[in-house]
Amino acid sequence: MMGLHRQFRAFAVVVTVIIFALQATETAAKLKAGKEKISNLEFYFHDKASGQNVTAVEVAHAPSTKSSPTFFGSVVVIDDLLTEGPEPTSKLLGRAQGLYALASQEDLQLLMAVTYVFQSGKFNGSTLAVVGHNAVFNEIREMPIVGGSGKFRMARGYALAHTHSFDIKSGNAIVHYNVTVLHY
């Protein structure tokens, strides 16, 4: 029993050293990166589940998903357009790539794990990562920005989503996003 206690203490010391090293690395990166900036972005997310050029595809589901009123257990992979305006033909800003899972047995609610990949403008080549809860029938949904790359290195912030249009028959949706992000 005493040997197990020593192993645990040694493990705790190693974990503590790793945490301090990571914090020091993060602090050094912040200092090297310069002054923190705030950026506000606005774009439209086109989730196309049916028709031509589908961008949202179900890749997995539970045996009970099809009988669930909330499609609980469905996992959808996306490669959605991000555009300047609500029309699919408006200027392409990038893509939303990742997945969402229908994660509630009571309401239509998603777990989003998506990267916004910017392909034009001053943020071309940069990304923002979103991981969070999306209660799709709420008028406004807030999701956390948990990281980024390129000009959004060390990003944090939030994305506000508002459904611009939704076709219940096709499952296609256009969602308006306002994103506020702190970055270096």
Protein backbone atom coordinates (compact mmCIF):
# COMPACT_ATOMS: atom_id res chain seq x y z
CA MET A 1 0.00 0.00 0.00
CA MET A 2 2.85 2.37 0.86
CA GLY A 3 4.43 1.75 -2.58
CA LEU A 4 1.19 2.78 -4.31
CA HIS A 5 1.10 5.99 -2.24
CA ARG A 6 4.68 6.85 -3.31
CA GLN A 7 3.84 6.14 -6.96
CA PHE A 8 0.84 8.43 -6.74
CA ARG A 9 2.92 11.22 -5.16
CA ALA A 10 5.58 10.83 -7.85
CA PHE A 11 2.89 10.96 -10.54
CA ALA A 12 1.38 14.09 -8.96
CA VAL A 13 4.81 15.78 -8.97
CA VAL A 14 5.34 14.93 -12.65
CA VAL A 15 1.88 16.25 -13.58
CA THR A 16 2.52 19.46 -11.62
CA VAL A 17 5.85 20.00 -13.40
CA ILE A 18 4.17 19.46 -16.80
CA ILE A 19 1.39 21.93 -15.95
CA PHE A 20 3.91 24.59 -14.88
CA ALA A 21 5.94 24.01 -18.06
CA LEU A 22 2.85 24.38 -20.23
CA GLN A 23 1.82 27.56 -18.42
CA ALA A 24 5.31 29.00 -18.86
CA THR A 25 5.27 28.11 -22.56
CA GLU A 26 1.84 29.72 -22.99
CA THR A 27 2.97 32.87 -21.17
CA ALA A 28 6.12 33.11 -23.30
CA ALA A 29 4.06 32.68 -26.46
CA LYS A 30 1.68 35.44 -25.37
CA LEU A 31 4.55 37.81 -24.69
CA LYS A 32 6.20 36.99 -28.01
CA ALA A 33 2.93 37.35 -29.90
CA GLY A 34 2.43 40.95 -28.89
CA LYS A 35 -0.66 42.90 -27.95
CA GLU A 36 -3.99 41.13 -27.73
CA LYS A 37 -6.56 42.17 -30.36
CA ILE A 38 -10.32 41.85 -30.59
CA SER A 39 -12.00 40.99 -33.88
CA ASN A 40 -15.68 40.91 -34.75
CA LEU A 41 -16.71 38.76 -37.69
CA GLU A 42 -20.05 38.28 -39.37
CA PHE A 43 -20.88 35.53 -41.85
CA TYR A 44 -23.48 33.00 -42.96
CA PHE A 45 -23.15 29.25 -42.51
CA HIS A 46 -24.86 27.12 -45.21
CA ASP A 47 -25.74 23.64 -43.91
CA LYS A 48 -26.98 21.63 -46.88
CA ALA A 49 -28.36 18.21 -45.90
CA SER A 50 -30.11 17.37 -49.20
CA GLY A 51 -30.22 18.31 -52.86
CA GLN A 52 -27.17 18.95 -55.03
CA ASN A 53 -23.75 19.59 -53.49
CA VAL A 54 -24.64 18.28 -50.02
CA THR A 55 -22.33 19.64 -47.29
CA ALA A 56 -23.77 17.83 -44.22
CA VAL A 57 -23.69 14.02 -44.17
CA GLU A 58 -24.83 11.66 -41.43
CA VAL A 59 -21.95 9.25 -40.79
CA ALA A 60 -23.26 7.38 -37.74
CA HIS A 61 -26.38 6.82 -35.69
CA ALA A 62 -27.63 4.64 -32.85
CA PRO A 63 -30.14 1.87 -33.49
CA SER A 64 -32.81 4.03 -31.83
CA THR A 65 -31.98 7.27 -33.71
CA LYS A 66 -34.62 6.86 -36.44
CA SER A 67 -37.40 6.40 -33.87
CA SER A 68 -36.22 9.28 -31.68
CA PRO A 69 -38.17 12.56 -32.03
CA THR A 70 -34.85 14.42 -31.56
CA PHE A 71 -32.71 12.08 -33.74
CA PHE A 72 -30.63 11.43 -30.62
CA GLY A 73 -27.39 9.65 -31.45
CA SER A 74 -26.96 10.93 -35.00
CA VAL A 75 -23.49 12.20 -35.95
CA VAL A 76 -23.15 14.51 -38.97
CA VAL A 77 -19.90 15.55 -40.65
CA ILE A 78 -19.94 18.96 -42.34
CA ASP A 79 -18.01 20.98 -44.91
CA ASP A 80 -20.35 23.99 -45.03
CA LEU A 81 -19.85 27.23 -46.91
CA LEU A 82 -19.20 30.42 -44.93
CA THR A 83 -20.33 33.40 -46.98
CA GLU A 84 -20.52 37.16 -46.63
CA GLY A 85 -24.29 37.24 -47.19
CA PRO A 86 -27.20 34.79 -46.85
CA GLU A 87 -27.21 33.91 -50.56
CA PRO A 88 -25.11 30.83 -51.39
CA THR A 89 -23.68 32.81 -54.32
CA SER A 90 -22.40 35.67 -52.11
CA LYS A 91 -18.66 36.04 -51.52
CA LEU A 92 -17.08 32.87 -50.10
CA LEU A 93 -15.18 33.60 -46.88
CA GLY A 94 -14.31 30.02 -45.98
CA ARG A 95 -15.76 26.75 -44.77
CA ALA A 96 -17.08 25.27 -41.54
CA GLN A 97 -15.53 21.83 -41.23
CA GLY A 98 -16.14 19.33 -38.47
CA LEU A 99 -19.09 17.55 -36.99
CA TYR A 100 -22.17 17.88 -34.90
CA ALA A 101 -23.95 15.24 -32.88
CA LEU A 102 -27.61 15.27 -31.89
CA ALA A 103 -27.02 15.03 -28.17
CA SER A 104 -30.36 15.41 -26.40
CA GLN A 105 -33.20 12.98 -25.88
CA GLU A 106 -35.61 15.79 -24.95
CA ASP A 107 -35.01 18.63 -27.44
CA LEU A 108 -33.24 19.13 -30.75
CA GLN A 109 -29.82 20.11 -29.41
CA LEU A 110 -26.39 19.67 -30.94
CA LEU A 111 -22.89 19.21 -29.68
CA MET A 112 -20.82 21.23 -32.19
CA ALA A 113 -17.13 20.53 -32.86
CA VAL A 114 -16.38 22.75 -35.86
CA THR A 115 -13.42 24.63 -37.30
CA TYR A 116 -14.08 27.79 -39.30
CA VAL A 117 -11.43 27.73 -42.04
CA PHE A 118 -11.04 31.19 -43.59
CA GLN A 119 -10.08 31.18 -47.28
CA SER A 120 -10.18 34.85 -48.24
CA GLY A 121 -9.70 38.35 -46.87
CA LYS A 122 -7.41 39.43 -44.08
CA PHE A 123 -7.93 36.15 -42.18
CA ASN A 124 -7.12 33.91 -45.18
CA GLY A 125 -5.39 30.74 -43.95
CA SER A 126 -6.49 31.24 -40.33
CA THR A 127 -8.95 29.11 -38.36
CA LEU A 128 -11.25 29.35 -35.35
CA ALA A 129 -12.33 26.31 -33.32
CA VAL A 130 -15.84 26.07 -31.83
CA VAL A 131 -16.83 23.36 -29.37
CA GLY A 132 -20.12 23.64 -27.56
CA HIS A 133 -23.84 23.29 -27.15
CA ASN A 134 -26.26 24.50 -29.85
CA ALA A 135 -29.97 24.51 -28.95
CA VAL A 136 -31.03 24.95 -32.59
CA PHE A 137 -34.58 26.17 -31.94
CA ASN A 138 -33.50 28.97 -29.59
CA GLU A 139 -33.57 32.31 -31.38
CA ILE A 140 -29.97 33.12 -30.43
CA ARG A 141 -27.41 30.49 -29.48
CA GLU A 142 -24.02 31.19 -27.94
CA MET A 143 -21.09 28.85 -28.48
CA PRO A 144 -17.51 29.20 -27.23
CA ILE A 145 -14.50 29.85 -29.43
CA VAL A 146 -11.85 27.63 -27.84
CA GLY A 147 -8.83 28.25 -30.06
CA GLY A 148 -7.51 29.14 -33.46
CA SER A 149 -4.52 29.29 -35.75
CA GLY A 150 -2.78 31.77 -38.01
CA LYS A 151 -3.99 35.28 -37.19
CA PHE A 152 -6.27 33.71 -34.58
CA ARG A 153 -3.46 32.02 -32.64
CA MET A 154 -4.47 31.54 -28.98
CA ALA A 155 -8.01 32.71 -29.76
CA ARG A 156 -10.87 32.71 -27.32
CA GLY A 157 -14.30 34.23 -27.57
CA TYR A 158 -17.85 33.41 -28.54
CA ALA A 159 -20.07 32.89 -31.56
CA LEU A 160 -23.69 34.01 -31.61
CA ALA A 161 -25.85 32.03 -34.04
CA HIS A 162 -29.28 33.01 -35.38
CA THR A 163 -31.16 30.88 -37.90
CA HIS A 164 -31.70 32.93 -41.06
CA SER A 165 -33.71 30.20 -42.80
CA PHE A 166 -34.54 26.53 -42.31
CA ASP A 167 -36.40 24.17 -44.63
CA ILE A 168 -37.89 21.41 -42.48
CA LYS A 169 -38.51 19.16 -45.51
CA SER A 170 -34.93 19.22 -46.84
CA GLY A 171 -33.11 19.89 -43.56
CA ASN A 172 -31.16 22.69 -45.27
CA ALA A 173 -30.37 25.72 -43.11
CA ILE A 174 -28.65 29.08 -43.37
CA VAL A 175 -27.38 30.41 -40.05
CA HIS A 176 -26.18 33.96 -39.40
CA TYR A 177 -23.10 34.15 -37.15
CA ASN A 178 -21.66 37.08 -35.21
CA VAL A 179 -18.30 36.12 -33.73
CA THR A 180 -16.26 38.06 -31.19
CA VAL A 181 -12.74 36.77 -30.69
CA LEU A 182 -9.68 37.81 -28.68
CA HIS A 183 -6.37 36.82 -30.28
CA TYR A 184 -2.74 37.86 -30.82
